[in-house]
């Protein structure tokens, strides 16, 4: 399945929600690698400039993400990080994103 419309709607929503605090939106996982199946989720890393409360951010975008999932019958999994964490962290999660991630 082509995921461009999903990614486009998601990016536009995040940009309108976070404005200048949104630094990057990165597709990672099987969709980024090109080995996704119809059952694969769409993994998204949302990179914010300023520190945040993870729970509050999930609440902020949750309804939109749920509606997008229902509209396209695909699971969208979003994670949040800061620009500083993305730059400085060196665990397997961040290394994988730096290696395989696709910036939207």
N, C-alpha and C. Protein backbone atom coordinates (compact mmCIF):
# COMPACT_ATOMS: atom_id res chain seq x y z
N UNK A 1 0.85 -1.20 0.00
CA UNK A 1 0.00 0.00 0.00
C UNK A 1 0.88 1.25 0.00
N UNK A 2 0.51 2.20 -0.78
CA UNK A 2 1.21 3.48 -0.81
C UNK A 2 0.85 4.26 0.45
N UNK A 3 1.84 4.76 1.15
CA UNK A 3 1.56 5.47 2.41
C UNK A 3 1.74 6.98 2.29
N UNK A 4 2.03 7.47 1.10
CA UNK A 4 2.24 8.92 0.93
C UNK A 4 1.09 9.77 1.46
N UNK A 5 -0.18 9.42 1.16
CA UNK A 5 -1.27 10.26 1.69
C UNK A 5 -1.31 10.28 3.22
N UNK A 6 -1.01 9.16 3.83
CA UNK A 6 -0.99 9.09 5.30
C UNK A 6 0.10 10.00 5.83
N UNK A 7 1.30 9.87 5.28
CA UNK A 7 2.43 10.67 5.75
C UNK A 7 2.20 12.15 5.51
N UNK A 8 1.60 12.48 4.40
CA UNK A 8 1.32 13.88 4.09
C UNK A 8 0.33 14.49 5.08
N UNK A 9 -0.75 13.78 5.35
CA UNK A 9 -1.74 14.27 6.32
C UNK A 9 -1.13 14.38 7.70
N UNK A 10 -0.35 13.38 8.07
CA UNK A 10 0.28 13.38 9.39
C UNK A 10 1.24 14.55 9.53
N UNK A 11 2.10 14.74 8.54
CA UNK A 11 3.07 15.84 8.60
C UNK A 11 2.36 17.19 8.69
N UNK A 12 1.36 17.39 7.87
CA UNK A 12 0.62 18.67 7.90
C UNK A 12 -0.01 18.91 9.26
N UNK A 13 -0.58 17.86 9.84
CA UNK A 13 -1.20 18.00 11.16
C UNK A 13 -0.16 18.34 12.23
N UNK A 14 0.96 17.63 12.20
CA UNK A 14 2.01 17.88 13.20
C UNK A 14 2.57 19.29 13.06
N UNK A 15 2.76 19.73 11.84
CA UNK A 15 3.29 21.08 11.61
C UNK A 15 2.31 22.13 12.14
N UNK A 16 1.03 21.93 11.91
CA UNK A 16 0.03 22.90 12.39
C UNK A 16 -0.15 22.83 13.90
N UNK A 17 0.16 21.69 14.50
CA UNK A 17 0.02 21.53 15.94
C UNK A 17 1.23 22.07 16.69
N UNK A 18 2.43 21.77 16.19
CA UNK A 18 3.66 22.10 16.91
C UNK A 18 4.39 23.34 16.38
N UNK A 19 4.06 23.78 15.20
CA UNK A 19 4.67 24.98 14.60
C UNK A 19 6.20 24.87 14.62
N UNK A 20 6.88 25.87 15.15
CA UNK A 20 8.35 25.90 15.15
C UNK A 20 8.98 24.91 16.13
N UNK A 21 8.19 24.35 17.04
CA UNK A 21 8.72 23.36 17.97
C UNK A 21 8.96 22.02 17.28
N UNK A 22 8.33 21.80 16.13
CA UNK A 22 8.53 20.56 15.37
C UNK A 22 9.80 20.69 14.55
N UNK A 23 10.78 19.87 14.85
CA UNK A 23 12.06 19.95 14.14
C UNK A 23 12.18 18.91 13.04
N UNK A 24 11.67 17.71 13.28
CA UNK A 24 11.74 16.66 12.27
C UNK A 24 10.60 15.68 12.49
N UNK A 25 10.19 15.04 11.41
CA UNK A 25 9.30 13.89 11.47
C UNK A 25 10.01 12.81 10.66
N UNK A 26 10.25 11.67 11.30
CA UNK A 26 11.07 10.63 10.67
C UNK A 26 10.29 9.33 10.59
N UNK A 27 10.20 8.78 9.40
CA UNK A 27 9.64 7.45 9.18
C UNK A 27 10.76 6.45 9.43
N UNK A 28 10.48 5.43 10.24
CA UNK A 28 11.50 4.40 10.48
C UNK A 28 10.83 3.03 10.48
N UNK A 29 11.61 2.00 10.67
CA UNK A 29 11.06 0.64 10.70
C UNK A 29 10.88 0.08 9.31
N UNK A 30 9.97 -0.89 9.21
CA UNK A 30 9.82 -1.64 7.96
C UNK A 30 9.40 -0.77 6.78
N UNK A 31 8.59 0.24 7.02
CA UNK A 31 8.19 1.13 5.91
C UNK A 31 9.39 1.89 5.37
N UNK A 32 10.28 2.32 6.24
CA UNK A 32 11.48 3.04 5.80
C UNK A 32 12.45 2.11 5.08
N UNK A 33 12.52 0.86 5.55
CA UNK A 33 13.43 -0.11 4.93
C UNK A 33 12.89 -0.65 3.61
N UNK A 34 11.57 -0.54 3.42
CA UNK A 34 10.97 -1.06 2.20
C UNK A 34 10.55 -2.51 2.29
N UNK A 35 10.51 -3.07 3.50
CA UNK A 35 10.09 -4.47 3.63
C UNK A 35 8.79 -4.63 4.42
N UNK A 36 7.96 -3.61 4.39
CA UNK A 36 6.68 -3.65 5.11
C UNK A 36 5.69 -4.57 4.40
N UNK A 37 4.80 -5.15 5.20
CA UNK A 37 3.69 -5.94 4.68
C UNK A 37 2.40 -5.17 4.96
N UNK A 38 1.28 -5.70 4.52
CA UNK A 38 0.00 -5.05 4.78
C UNK A 38 -0.30 -4.97 6.28
N UNK A 39 0.29 -5.87 7.05
CA UNK A 39 0.06 -5.89 8.50
C UNK A 39 1.05 -5.02 9.27
N UNK A 40 2.05 -4.49 8.61
CA UNK A 40 3.08 -3.68 9.28
C UNK A 40 2.49 -2.35 9.75
N UNK A 41 2.98 -1.91 10.90
CA UNK A 41 2.58 -0.57 11.35
C UNK A 41 3.48 0.46 10.68
N UNK A 42 3.10 1.70 10.82
CA UNK A 42 3.88 2.81 10.29
C UNK A 42 4.53 3.50 11.48
N UNK A 43 5.85 3.38 11.58
CA UNK A 43 6.59 3.92 12.72
C UNK A 43 7.05 5.34 12.43
N UNK A 44 6.71 6.24 13.34
CA UNK A 44 7.03 7.66 13.17
C UNK A 44 7.73 8.18 14.42
N UNK A 45 8.83 8.88 14.22
CA UNK A 45 9.50 9.58 15.31
C UNK A 45 9.25 11.07 15.13
N UNK A 46 8.68 11.69 16.15
CA UNK A 46 8.39 13.12 16.15
C UNK A 46 9.46 13.80 16.99
N UNK A 47 10.24 14.66 16.36
CA UNK A 47 11.36 15.32 17.03
C UNK A 47 10.95 16.76 17.35
N UNK A 48 10.92 17.06 18.66
CA UNK A 48 10.56 18.40 19.12
C UNK A 48 11.80 19.12 19.61
N UNK A 49 11.76 20.43 19.53
CA UNK A 49 12.91 21.23 19.96
C UNK A 49 13.02 21.28 21.48
N UNK A 50 11.90 21.45 22.15
CA UNK A 50 11.92 21.66 23.60
C UNK A 50 11.52 20.39 24.35
N UNK A 51 11.96 20.27 25.61
CA UNK A 51 11.53 19.13 26.43
C UNK A 51 10.01 19.08 26.55
N UNK A 52 9.48 17.91 26.80
CA UNK A 52 8.03 17.72 26.79
C UNK A 52 7.63 16.64 27.78
N UNK A 53 6.33 16.58 28.05
CA UNK A 53 5.74 15.51 28.84
C UNK A 53 5.17 14.50 27.84
N UNK A 54 5.72 13.31 27.83
CA UNK A 54 5.36 12.30 26.83
C UNK A 54 3.85 12.04 26.83
N UNK A 55 3.28 11.87 28.00
CA UNK A 55 1.85 11.58 28.12
C UNK A 55 1.01 12.70 27.50
N UNK A 56 1.38 13.94 27.78
CA UNK A 56 0.63 15.07 27.23
C UNK A 56 0.71 15.12 25.71
N UNK A 57 1.86 14.79 25.17
CA UNK A 57 2.00 14.81 23.71
C UNK A 57 1.17 13.71 23.06
N UNK A 58 1.14 12.54 23.68
CA UNK A 58 0.31 11.45 23.16
C UNK A 58 -1.16 11.86 23.20
N UNK A 59 -1.56 12.50 24.29
CA UNK A 59 -2.94 12.98 24.40
C UNK A 59 -3.25 14.02 23.33
N UNK A 60 -2.29 14.87 23.05
CA UNK A 60 -2.48 15.97 22.10
C UNK A 60 -2.78 15.46 20.69
N UNK A 61 -2.08 14.41 20.26
CA UNK A 61 -2.24 13.94 18.88
C UNK A 61 -3.06 12.66 18.77
N UNK A 62 -3.44 12.08 19.90
CA UNK A 62 -4.09 10.77 19.91
C UNK A 62 -5.34 10.65 19.06
N UNK A 63 -6.23 11.61 19.17
CA UNK A 63 -7.48 11.53 18.41
C UNK A 63 -7.22 11.60 16.91
N UNK A 64 -6.34 12.50 16.51
CA UNK A 64 -6.02 12.61 15.08
C UNK A 64 -5.40 11.31 14.57
N UNK A 65 -4.45 10.76 15.31
CA UNK A 65 -3.79 9.51 14.90
C UNK A 65 -4.81 8.38 14.81
N UNK A 66 -5.69 8.28 15.80
CA UNK A 66 -6.72 7.23 15.78
C UNK A 66 -7.60 7.35 14.55
N UNK A 67 -8.02 8.56 14.23
CA UNK A 67 -8.86 8.77 13.05
C UNK A 67 -8.13 8.42 11.76
N UNK A 68 -6.85 8.77 11.70
CA UNK A 68 -6.05 8.44 10.52
C UNK A 68 -5.90 6.93 10.37
N UNK A 69 -5.68 6.24 11.48
CA UNK A 69 -5.59 4.77 11.46
C UNK A 69 -6.88 4.15 10.93
N UNK A 70 -8.00 4.66 11.40
CA UNK A 70 -9.29 4.13 10.96
C UNK A 70 -9.56 4.44 9.49
N UNK A 71 -9.20 5.64 9.07
CA UNK A 71 -9.43 6.04 7.68
C UNK A 71 -8.68 5.16 6.70
N UNK A 72 -7.43 4.80 7.04
CA UNK A 72 -6.59 4.04 6.12
C UNK A 72 -6.42 2.58 6.51
N UNK A 73 -7.03 2.17 7.61
CA UNK A 73 -6.92 0.80 8.10
C UNK A 73 -5.45 0.37 8.27
N UNK A 74 -4.67 1.27 8.85
CA UNK A 74 -3.26 1.01 9.16
C UNK A 74 -2.96 1.51 10.55
N UNK A 75 -2.11 0.80 11.26
CA UNK A 75 -1.68 1.22 12.58
C UNK A 75 -0.51 2.19 12.44
N UNK A 76 -0.61 3.33 13.09
CA UNK A 76 0.45 4.33 13.09
C UNK A 76 0.99 4.42 14.51
N UNK A 77 2.27 4.16 14.68
CA UNK A 77 2.91 4.21 15.99
C UNK A 77 3.84 5.41 16.04
N UNK A 78 3.54 6.33 16.95
CA UNK A 78 4.34 7.54 17.07
C UNK A 78 5.15 7.53 18.36
N UNK A 79 6.40 7.93 18.25
CA UNK A 79 7.28 8.14 19.39
C UNK A 79 7.73 9.59 19.36
N UNK A 80 8.09 10.10 20.51
CA UNK A 80 8.56 11.48 20.62
C UNK A 80 9.99 11.49 21.15
N UNK A 81 10.75 12.47 20.71
CA UNK A 81 12.07 12.72 21.27
C UNK A 81 12.38 14.20 21.07
N UNK A 82 13.46 14.63 21.67
CA UNK A 82 13.92 16.00 21.44
C UNK A 82 15.07 15.97 20.44
N UNK A 83 15.32 17.13 19.87
CA UNK A 83 16.45 17.27 18.95
C UNK A 83 17.76 16.87 19.64
N UNK A 84 17.90 17.28 20.89
CA UNK A 84 19.11 16.96 21.65
C UNK A 84 19.26 15.46 21.87
N UNK A 85 18.17 14.79 22.24
CA UNK A 85 18.24 13.34 22.45
C UNK A 85 18.61 12.63 21.16
N UNK A 86 17.99 13.02 20.07
CA UNK A 86 18.28 12.38 18.79
C UNK A 86 19.75 12.54 18.43
N UNK A 87 20.28 13.70 18.69
CA UNK A 87 21.68 13.98 18.37
C UNK A 87 22.64 13.22 19.29
N UNK A 88 22.33 13.15 20.58
CA UNK A 88 23.30 12.65 21.56
C UNK A 88 23.14 11.20 21.98
N UNK A 89 21.93 10.66 21.89
CA UNK A 89 21.73 9.27 22.32
C UNK A 89 22.38 8.31 21.33
N UNK A 90 22.92 7.21 21.87
CA UNK A 90 23.61 6.25 21.01
C UNK A 90 23.16 4.83 21.28
N UNK A 91 21.92 4.65 21.77
CA UNK A 91 21.44 3.29 21.97
C UNK A 91 20.94 2.72 20.64
N UNK A 92 20.56 1.45 20.64
CA UNK A 92 20.18 0.77 19.40
C UNK A 92 19.00 1.45 18.71
N UNK A 93 18.03 1.92 19.47
CA UNK A 93 16.86 2.58 18.91
C UNK A 93 17.27 3.79 18.07
N UNK A 94 18.06 4.67 18.65
CA UNK A 94 18.47 5.89 17.95
C UNK A 94 19.45 5.59 16.82
N UNK A 95 20.34 4.63 17.01
CA UNK A 95 21.27 4.27 15.93
C UNK A 95 20.49 3.76 14.71
N UNK A 96 19.47 2.95 14.97
CA UNK A 96 18.65 2.42 13.88
C UNK A 96 17.93 3.54 13.13
N UNK A 97 17.39 4.48 13.86
CA UNK A 97 16.69 5.60 13.23
C UNK A 97 17.66 6.45 12.41
N UNK A 98 18.84 6.71 12.95
CA UNK A 98 19.83 7.50 12.22
C UNK A 98 20.28 6.78 10.95
N UNK A 99 20.33 5.45 11.01
CA UNK A 99 20.79 4.66 9.87
C UNK A 99 19.70 4.49 8.81
N UNK A 100 18.47 4.17 9.23
CA UNK A 100 17.43 3.79 8.29
C UNK A 100 16.29 4.79 8.13
N UNK A 101 16.23 5.76 9.03
CA UNK A 101 15.09 6.68 9.02
C UNK A 101 15.04 7.57 7.79
N UNK A 102 13.82 7.93 7.43
CA UNK A 102 13.58 8.83 6.30
C UNK A 102 12.88 10.07 6.83
N UNK A 103 13.52 11.22 6.65
CA UNK A 103 12.92 12.48 7.10
C UNK A 103 11.78 12.86 6.17
N UNK A 104 10.67 13.25 6.76
CA UNK A 104 9.53 13.70 5.96
C UNK A 104 9.62 15.19 5.71
